[in-house]
Structure formats: structure tokens, C-alpha cells
All heavy atoms as atom14 arrays in JSON, in Angstrom:
{
  "sequence": "RPFFQFLFAILLHLTWFIKRLPLPQFSAHNF",
  "atom14_mask": [
    [1, 1, 1, 1, 1, 1, 1, 1, 1, 1, 1, 0, 0, 0],
    [1, 1, 1, 1, 1, 1, 1, 0, 0, 0, 0, 0, 0, 0],
    [1, 1, 1, 1, 1, 1, 1, 1, 1, 1, 1, 0, 0, 0],
    [1, 1, 1, 1, 1, 1, 1, 1, 1, 1, 1, 0, 0, 0],
    [1, 1, 1, 1, 1, 1, 1, 1, 1, 0, 0, 0, 0, 0],
    [1, 1, 1, 1, 1, 1, 1, 1, 1, 1, 1, 0, 0, 0],
    [1, 1, 1, 1, 1, 1, 1, 1, 0, 0, 0, 0, 0, 0],
    [1, 1, 1, 1, 1, 1, 1, 1, 1, 1, 1, 0, 0, 0],
    [1, 1, 1, 1, 1, 0, 0, 0, 0, 0, 0, 0, 0, 0],
    [1, 1, 1, 1, 1, 1, 1, 1, 0, 0, 0, 0, 0, 0],
    [1, 1, 1, 1, 1, 1, 1, 1, 0, 0, 0, 0, 0, 0],
    [1, 1, 1, 1, 1, 1, 1, 1, 0, 0, 0, 0, 0, 0],
    [1, 1, 1, 1, 1, 1, 1, 1, 1, 1, 0, 0, 0, 0],
    [1, 1, 1, 1, 1, 1, 1, 1, 0, 0, 0, 0, 0, 0],
    [1, 1, 1, 1, 1, 1, 1, 0, 0, 0, 0, 0, 0, 0],
    [1, 1, 1, 1, 1, 1, 1, 1, 1, 1, 1, 1, 1, 1],
    [1, 1, 1, 1, 1, 1, 1, 1, 1, 1, 1, 0, 0, 0],
    [1, 1, 1, 1, 1, 1, 1, 1, 0, 0, 0, 0, 0, 0],
    [1, 1, 1, 1, 1, 1, 1, 1, 1, 0, 0, 0, 0, 0],
    [1, 1, 1, 1, 1, 1, 1, 1, 1, 1, 1, 0, 0, 0],
    [1, 1, 1, 1, 1, 1, 1, 1, 0, 0, 0, 0, 0, 0],
    [1, 1, 1, 1, 1, 1, 1, 0, 0, 0, 0, 0, 0, 0],
    [1, 1, 1, 1, 1, 1, 1, 1, 0, 0, 0, 0, 0, 0],
    [1, 1, 1, 1, 1, 1, 1, 0, 0, 0, 0, 0, 0, 0],
    [1, 1, 1, 1, 1, 1, 1, 1, 1, 0, 0, 0, 0, 0],
    [1, 1, 1, 1, 1, 1, 1, 1, 1, 1, 1, 0, 0, 0],
    [1, 1, 1, 1, 1, 1, 0, 0, 0, 0, 0, 0, 0, 0],
    [1, 1, 1, 1, 1, 0, 0, 0, 0, 0, 0, 0, 0, 0],
    [1, 1, 1, 1, 1, 1, 1, 1, 1, 1, 0, 0, 0, 0],
    [1, 1, 1, 1, 1, 1, 1, 1, 0, 0, 0, 0, 0, 0],
    [1, 1, 1, 1, 1, 1, 1, 1, 1, 1, 1, 0, 0, 0]
  ],
  "atom14_positions": [
    [[-36.3, -12.07, 43.66], [-35.18, -11.29, 44.17], [-34.62, -11.85, 45.5], [-33.34, -12.01, 45.69], [-35.51, -9.83, 44.39], [-34.45, -9.0, 44.93], [-34.95, -7.62, 45.23], [-35.99, -7.62, 46.23], [-35.86, -7.69, 47.53], [-34.69, -7.76, 48.07], [-36.92, -7.76, 48.37], [0.0, 0.0, 0.0], [0.0, 0.0, 0.0], [0.0, 0.0, 0.0]],
    [[-35.54, -12.13, 46.47], [-34.98, -12.69, 47.79], [-34.14, -13.95, 47.66], [-33.11, -14.15, 48.19], [-36.2, -12.94, 48.58], [-37.21, -12.04, 47.96], [-36.97, -12.04, 46.59], [0.0, 0.0, 0.0], [0.0, 0.0, 0.0], [0.0, 0.0, 0.0], [0.0, 0.0, 0.0], [0.0, 0.0, 0.0], [0.0, 0.0, 0.0], [0.0, 0.0, 0.0]],
    [[-34.63, -14.88, 46.72], [-33.85, -16.15, 46.53], [-32.53, -15.8, 45.87], [-31.47, -16.32, 46.25], [-34.72, -17.03, 45.63], [-33.92, -18.2, 45.18], [-33.63, -19.25, 46.08], [-33.53, -18.34, 43.86], [-32.93, -20.44, 45.61], [-32.82, -19.41, 43.41], [-32.49, -20.41, 44.25], [0.0, 0.0, 0.0], [0.0, 0.0, 0.0], [0.0, 0.0, 0.0]],
    [[-32.56, -15.0, 44.78], [-31.34, -14.68, 44.04], [-30.32, -13.93, 44.91], [-29.11, -14.21, 44.94], [-31.63, -13.86, 42.82], [-32.1, -14.61, 41.66], [-33.07, -13.98, 40.77], [-31.86, -15.92, 41.53], [-33.52, -14.75, 39.71], [-32.33, -16.68, 40.45], [-33.22, -16.04, 39.53], [0.0, 0.0, 0.0], [0.0, 0.0, 0.0], [0.0, 0.0, 0.0]],
    [[-30.8, -12.96, 45.78], [-29.88, -12.22, 46.63], [-29.22, -13.18, 47.66], [-28.06, -13.05, 47.98], [-30.66, -11.1, 47.19], [-30.85, -9.89, 46.38], [-31.32, -8.69, 47.18], [-31.88, -8.78, 48.22], [-31.05, -7.49, 46.64], [0.0, 0.0, 0.0], [0.0, 0.0, 0.0], [0.0, 0.0, 0.0], [0.0, 0.0, 0.0], [0.0, 0.0, 0.0]],
    [[-30.01, -14.1, 48.12], [-29.46, -15.02, 49.15], [-28.42, -15.91, 48.48], [-27.32, -16.11, 49.0], [-30.57, -15.84, 49.79], [-30.06, -16.86, 50.75], [-29.62, -16.66, 52.05], [-30.04, -18.28, 50.22], [-29.17, -17.59, 52.85], [-29.63, -19.28, 51.18], [-29.18, -18.9, 52.4], [0.0, 0.0, 0.0], [0.0, 0.0, 0.0], [0.0, 0.0, 0.0]],
    [[-28.79, -16.49, 47.38], [-27.88, -17.42, 46.71], [-26.64, -16.75, 46.24], [-25.5, -17.25, 46.5], [-28.64, -18.08, 45.42], [-27.7, -19.03, 44.59], [-27.3, -20.21, 45.29], [-28.63, -19.46, 43.4], [0.0, 0.0, 0.0], [0.0, 0.0, 0.0], [0.0, 0.0, 0.0], [0.0, 0.0, 0.0], [0.0, 0.0, 0.0], [0.0, 0.0, 0.0]],
    [[-26.82, -15.62, 45.49], [-25.61, -14.93, 44.92], [-24.76, -14.21, 45.98], [-23.6, -13.95, 45.66], [-26.02, -14.11, 43.78], [-26.42, -14.82, 42.55], [-27.78, -14.99, 42.21], [-25.45, -15.35, 41.78], [-28.13, -15.65, 41.08], [-25.76, -16.04, 40.57], [-27.09, -16.23, 40.21], [0.0, 0.0, 0.0], [0.0, 0.0, 0.0], [0.0, 0.0, 0.0]],
    [[-25.32, -13.92, 47.09], [-24.57, -13.25, 48.16], [-23.58, -14.29, 48.65], [-22.37, -13.98, 48.93], [-25.46, -12.81, 49.3], [0.0, 0.0, 0.0], [0.0, 0.0, 0.0], [0.0, 0.0, 0.0], [0.0, 0.0, 0.0], [0.0, 0.0, 0.0], [0.0, 0.0, 0.0], [0.0, 0.0, 0.0], [0.0, 0.0, 0.0], [0.0, 0.0, 0.0]],
    [[-23.93, -15.54, 48.85], [-23.08, -16.67, 49.23], [-21.94, -16.89, 48.21], [-20.78, -16.97, 48.46], [-23.83, -17.97, 49.46], [-24.75, -17.78, 50.63], [-22.87, -19.07, 49.72], [-25.74, -19.0, 50.88], [0.0, 0.0, 0.0], [0.0, 0.0, 0.0], [0.0, 0.0, 0.0], [0.0, 0.0, 0.0], [0.0, 0.0, 0.0], [0.0, 0.0, 0.0]],
    [[-22.39, -16.92, 46.91], [-21.41, -17.16, 45.82], [-20.48, -15.96, 45.69], [-19.3, -16.1, 45.42], [-22.15, -17.38, 44.52], [-22.94, -18.63, 44.34], [-23.77, -18.65, 43.06], [-22.02, -19.86, 44.47], [0.0, 0.0, 0.0], [0.0, 0.0, 0.0], [0.0, 0.0, 0.0], [0.0, 0.0, 0.0], [0.0, 0.0, 0.0], [0.0, 0.0, 0.0]],
    [[-20.97, -14.73, 46.0], [-20.13, -13.53, 45.86], [-19.11, -13.58, 46.96], [-17.82, -13.31, 46.63], [-21.02, -12.27, 46.13], [-20.25, -10.95, 46.21], [-19.48, -10.68, 44.91], [-21.17, -9.83, 46.61], [0.0, 0.0, 0.0], [0.0, 0.0, 0.0], [0.0, 0.0, 0.0], [0.0, 0.0, 0.0], [0.0, 0.0, 0.0], [0.0, 0.0, 0.0]],
    [[-19.34, -14.02, 48.16], [-18.39, -14.03, 49.2], [-17.29, -15.18, 48.96], [-16.15, -15.06, 49.23], [-19.05, -14.26, 50.57], [-19.55, -13.03, 51.11], [-20.8, -12.52, 50.71], [-19.2, -12.18, 52.1], [-21.1, -11.37, 51.38], [-20.06, -11.14, 52.19], [0.0, 0.0, 0.0], [0.0, 0.0, 0.0], [0.0, 0.0, 0.0], [0.0, 0.0, 0.0]],
    [[-17.8, -16.25, 48.34], [-16.86, -17.23, 47.87], [-15.83, -16.84, 46.83], [-14.68, -17.0, 46.9], [-17.54, -18.54, 47.41], [-18.31, -19.34, 48.5], [-19.15, -20.48, 47.93], [-17.36, -19.92, 49.55], [0.0, 0.0, 0.0], [0.0, 0.0, 0.0], [0.0, 0.0, 0.0], [0.0, 0.0, 0.0], [0.0, 0.0, 0.0], [0.0, 0.0, 0.0]],
    [[-16.44, -16.11, 45.84], [-15.61, -15.57, 44.76], [-14.71, -14.47, 45.27], [-13.53, -14.46, 44.91], [-16.58, -14.9, 43.67], [-17.55, -15.75, 43.26], [-15.77, -14.47, 42.52], [0.0, 0.0, 0.0], [0.0, 0.0, 0.0], [0.0, 0.0, 0.0], [0.0, 0.0, 0.0], [0.0, 0.0, 0.0], [0.0, 0.0, 0.0], [0.0, 0.0, 0.0]],
    [[-15.2, -13.69, 46.23], [-14.26, -12.61, 46.86], [-13.15, -13.35, 47.57], [-12.02, -12.82, 47.48], [-15.17, -11.82, 47.77], [-14.42, -10.9, 48.71], [-14.28, -10.96, 50.04], [-13.75, -9.68, 48.32], [-13.58, -9.96, 50.6], [-13.28, -9.08, 49.55], [-13.62, -8.93, 47.14], [-12.61, -7.87, 49.56], [-13.03, -7.69, 47.2], [-12.48, -7.24, 48.39]],
    [[-13.49, -14.36, 48.26], [-12.36, -15.16, 48.99], [-11.37, -15.76, 48.08], [-10.15, -15.55, 48.36], [-12.96, -16.32, 49.87], [-11.96, -17.15, 50.52], [-11.26, -16.7, 51.61], [-11.72, -18.4, 50.0], [-10.29, -17.6, 52.21], [-10.75, -19.26, 50.56], [-10.06, -18.82, 51.66], [0.0, 0.0, 0.0], [0.0, 0.0, 0.0], [0.0, 0.0, 0.0]],
    [[-11.75, -16.31, 46.98], [-10.82, -16.85, 46.0], [-10.01, -15.74, 45.32], [-8.76, -15.9, 45.12], [-11.65, -17.63, 44.94], [-12.33, -18.86, 45.54], [-10.72, -18.12, 43.8], [-13.18, -19.62, 44.59], [0.0, 0.0, 0.0], [0.0, 0.0, 0.0], [0.0, 0.0, 0.0], [0.0, 0.0, 0.0], [0.0, 0.0, 0.0], [0.0, 0.0, 0.0]],
    [[-10.65, -14.67, 45.08], [-9.9, -13.55, 44.4], [-8.82, -12.94, 45.34], [-7.86, -12.33, 44.87], [-10.85, -12.45, 43.88], [-11.83, -12.91, 42.87], [-11.16, -13.01, 41.46], [-10.86, -11.78, 40.84], [-10.45, -11.79, 39.44], [0.0, 0.0, 0.0], [0.0, 0.0, 0.0], [0.0, 0.0, 0.0], [0.0, 0.0, 0.0], [0.0, 0.0, 0.0]],
    [[-9.08, -13.07, 46.7], [-8.08, -12.52, 47.62], [-6.91, -13.48, 47.88], [-5.98, -12.98, 48.51], [-8.86, -12.19, 48.97], [-10.02, -11.31, 48.86], [-9.58, -9.96, 48.32], [-8.64, -9.23, 49.1], [-8.02, -8.05, 48.78], [-8.38, -7.51, 47.65], [-7.16, -7.49, 49.63], [0.0, 0.0, 0.0], [0.0, 0.0, 0.0], [0.0, 0.0, 0.0]],
    [[-7.02, -14.7, 47.35], [-5.81, -15.59, 47.55], [-4.63, -15.14, 46.74], [-4.88, -14.47, 45.72], [-6.24, -16.97, 47.1], [-7.39, -17.66, 47.98], [-7.68, -19.06, 47.34], [-6.84, -17.87, 49.34], [0.0, 0.0, 0.0], [0.0, 0.0, 0.0], [0.0, 0.0, 0.0], [0.0, 0.0, 0.0], [0.0, 0.0, 0.0], [0.0, 0.0, 0.0]],
    [[-3.43, -15.44, 47.08], [-2.24, -14.96, 46.36], [-2.09, -15.82, 45.06], [-1.15, -16.62, 44.84], [-1.12, -15.32, 47.34], [-1.62, -16.46, 48.2], [-3.1, -16.16, 48.36], [0.0, 0.0, 0.0], [0.0, 0.0, 0.0], [0.0, 0.0, 0.0], [0.0, 0.0, 0.0], [0.0, 0.0, 0.0], [0.0, 0.0, 0.0], [0.0, 0.0, 0.0]],
    [[-3.0, -15.55, 44.1], [-3.01, -16.19, 42.88], [-2.87, -15.16, 41.79], [-3.09, -13.95, 42.01], [-4.34, -17.02, 42.6], [-4.64, -18.13, 43.6], [-6.09, -18.6, 43.45], [-3.62, -19.26, 43.59], [0.0, 0.0, 0.0], [0.0, 0.0, 0.0], [0.0, 0.0, 0.0], [0.0, 0.0, 0.0], [0.0, 0.0, 0.0], [0.0, 0.0, 0.0]],
    [[-2.46, -15.57, 40.52], [-2.38, -14.58, 39.41], [-3.76, -13.92, 39.17], [-4.75, -14.62, 39.17], [-1.94, -15.45, 38.26], [-1.27, -16.68, 38.87], [-2.03, -16.89, 40.18], [0.0, 0.0, 0.0], [0.0, 0.0, 0.0], [0.0, 0.0, 0.0], [0.0, 0.0, 0.0], [0.0, 0.0, 0.0], [0.0, 0.0, 0.0], [0.0, 0.0, 0.0]],
    [[-3.65, -12.62, 39.03], [-4.9, -11.84, 38.77], [-5.27, -11.7, 37.33], [-4.4, -11.74, 36.4], [-4.81, -10.46, 39.42], [-4.7, -10.44, 40.94], [-5.95, -10.98, 41.58], [-7.09, -10.31, 41.37], [-5.92, -11.96, 42.34], [0.0, 0.0, 0.0], [0.0, 0.0, 0.0], [0.0, 0.0, 0.0], [0.0, 0.0, 0.0], [0.0, 0.0, 0.0]],
    [[-6.59, -11.78, 37.05], [-7.08, -11.55, 35.69], [-8.3, -10.66, 35.67], [-8.98, -10.56, 36.66], [-7.3, -12.96, 35.08], [-8.55, -13.58, 35.63], [-9.8, -13.44, 35.16], [-8.38, -14.46, 36.73], [-10.88, -14.14, 35.76], [-9.49, -15.05, 37.36], [-10.7, -14.86, 36.9], [0.0, 0.0, 0.0], [0.0, 0.0, 0.0], [0.0, 0.0, 0.0]],
    [[-8.52, -10.16, 34.51], [-9.78, -9.31, 34.31], [-10.26, -9.59, 32.87], [-9.47, -9.9, 32.02], [-9.57, -7.89, 34.58], [-8.57, -7.27, 33.68], [0.0, 0.0, 0.0], [0.0, 0.0, 0.0], [0.0, 0.0, 0.0], [0.0, 0.0, 0.0], [0.0, 0.0, 0.0], [0.0, 0.0, 0.0], [0.0, 0.0, 0.0], [0.0, 0.0, 0.0]],
    [[-11.52, -9.26, 32.6], [-12.14, -9.43, 31.27], [-13.13, -8.3, 31.12], [-14.35, -8.67, 31.19], [-12.74, -10.79, 31.19], [0.0, 0.0, 0.0], [0.0, 0.0, 0.0], [0.0, 0.0, 0.0], [0.0, 0.0, 0.0], [0.0, 0.0, 0.0], [0.0, 0.0, 0.0], [0.0, 0.0, 0.0], [0.0, 0.0, 0.0], [0.0, 0.0, 0.0]],
    [[-12.68, -7.11, 31.01], [-13.64, -5.93, 30.99], [-14.51, -6.01, 29.76], [-15.78, -5.73, 29.87], [-12.79, -4.68, 30.84], [-12.01, -4.37, 32.14], [-11.11, -3.3, 32.33], [-11.96, -5.06, 33.37], [-10.62, -3.37, 33.48], [-11.07, -4.39, 34.16], [0.0, 0.0, 0.0], [0.0, 0.0, 0.0], [0.0, 0.0, 0.0], [0.0, 0.0, 0.0]],
    [[-14.0, -6.35, 28.61], [-14.78, -6.35, 27.41], [-15.93, -7.37, 27.5], [-17.14, -7.15, 27.16], [-13.97, -6.65, 26.14], [-13.13, -5.47, 25.77], [-13.47, -4.29, 26.15], [-12.02, -5.68, 25.1], [0.0, 0.0, 0.0], [0.0, 0.0, 0.0], [0.0, 0.0, 0.0], [0.0, 0.0, 0.0], [0.0, 0.0, 0.0], [0.0, 0.0, 0.0]],
    [[-15.64, -8.6, 27.92], [-16.62, -9.66, 28.11], [-17.61, -9.24, 29.15], [-18.86, -9.47, 28.96], [-15.89, -10.96, 28.52], [-16.92, -12.04, 28.73], [-17.5, -12.68, 27.67], [-17.25, -12.54, 30.08], [-18.4, -13.79, 27.9], [-18.2, -13.49, 30.27], [-18.77, -14.09, 29.15], [0.0, 0.0, 0.0], [0.0, 0.0, 0.0], [0.0, 0.0, 0.0]]
  ]
}
């Protein structure tokens, strides 16, 4: 858990930054 939380917290903030850019939005609820 400590390793995963550290690693994915970094990836989460990168993903969050990319999603906040003025780019076309998408979602995939079923997947």
C-alpha cells in the first residue's frame, strides 16, 4: 500500500492536470 499510494498519487495528479487542460472531454463509465 505505501508504495502504490506514493506511485499512483503522482500519476493521479498528472492525470488530473491533463484532464484540466482545454482538451475534448471523454468518459467511459461502462468500462
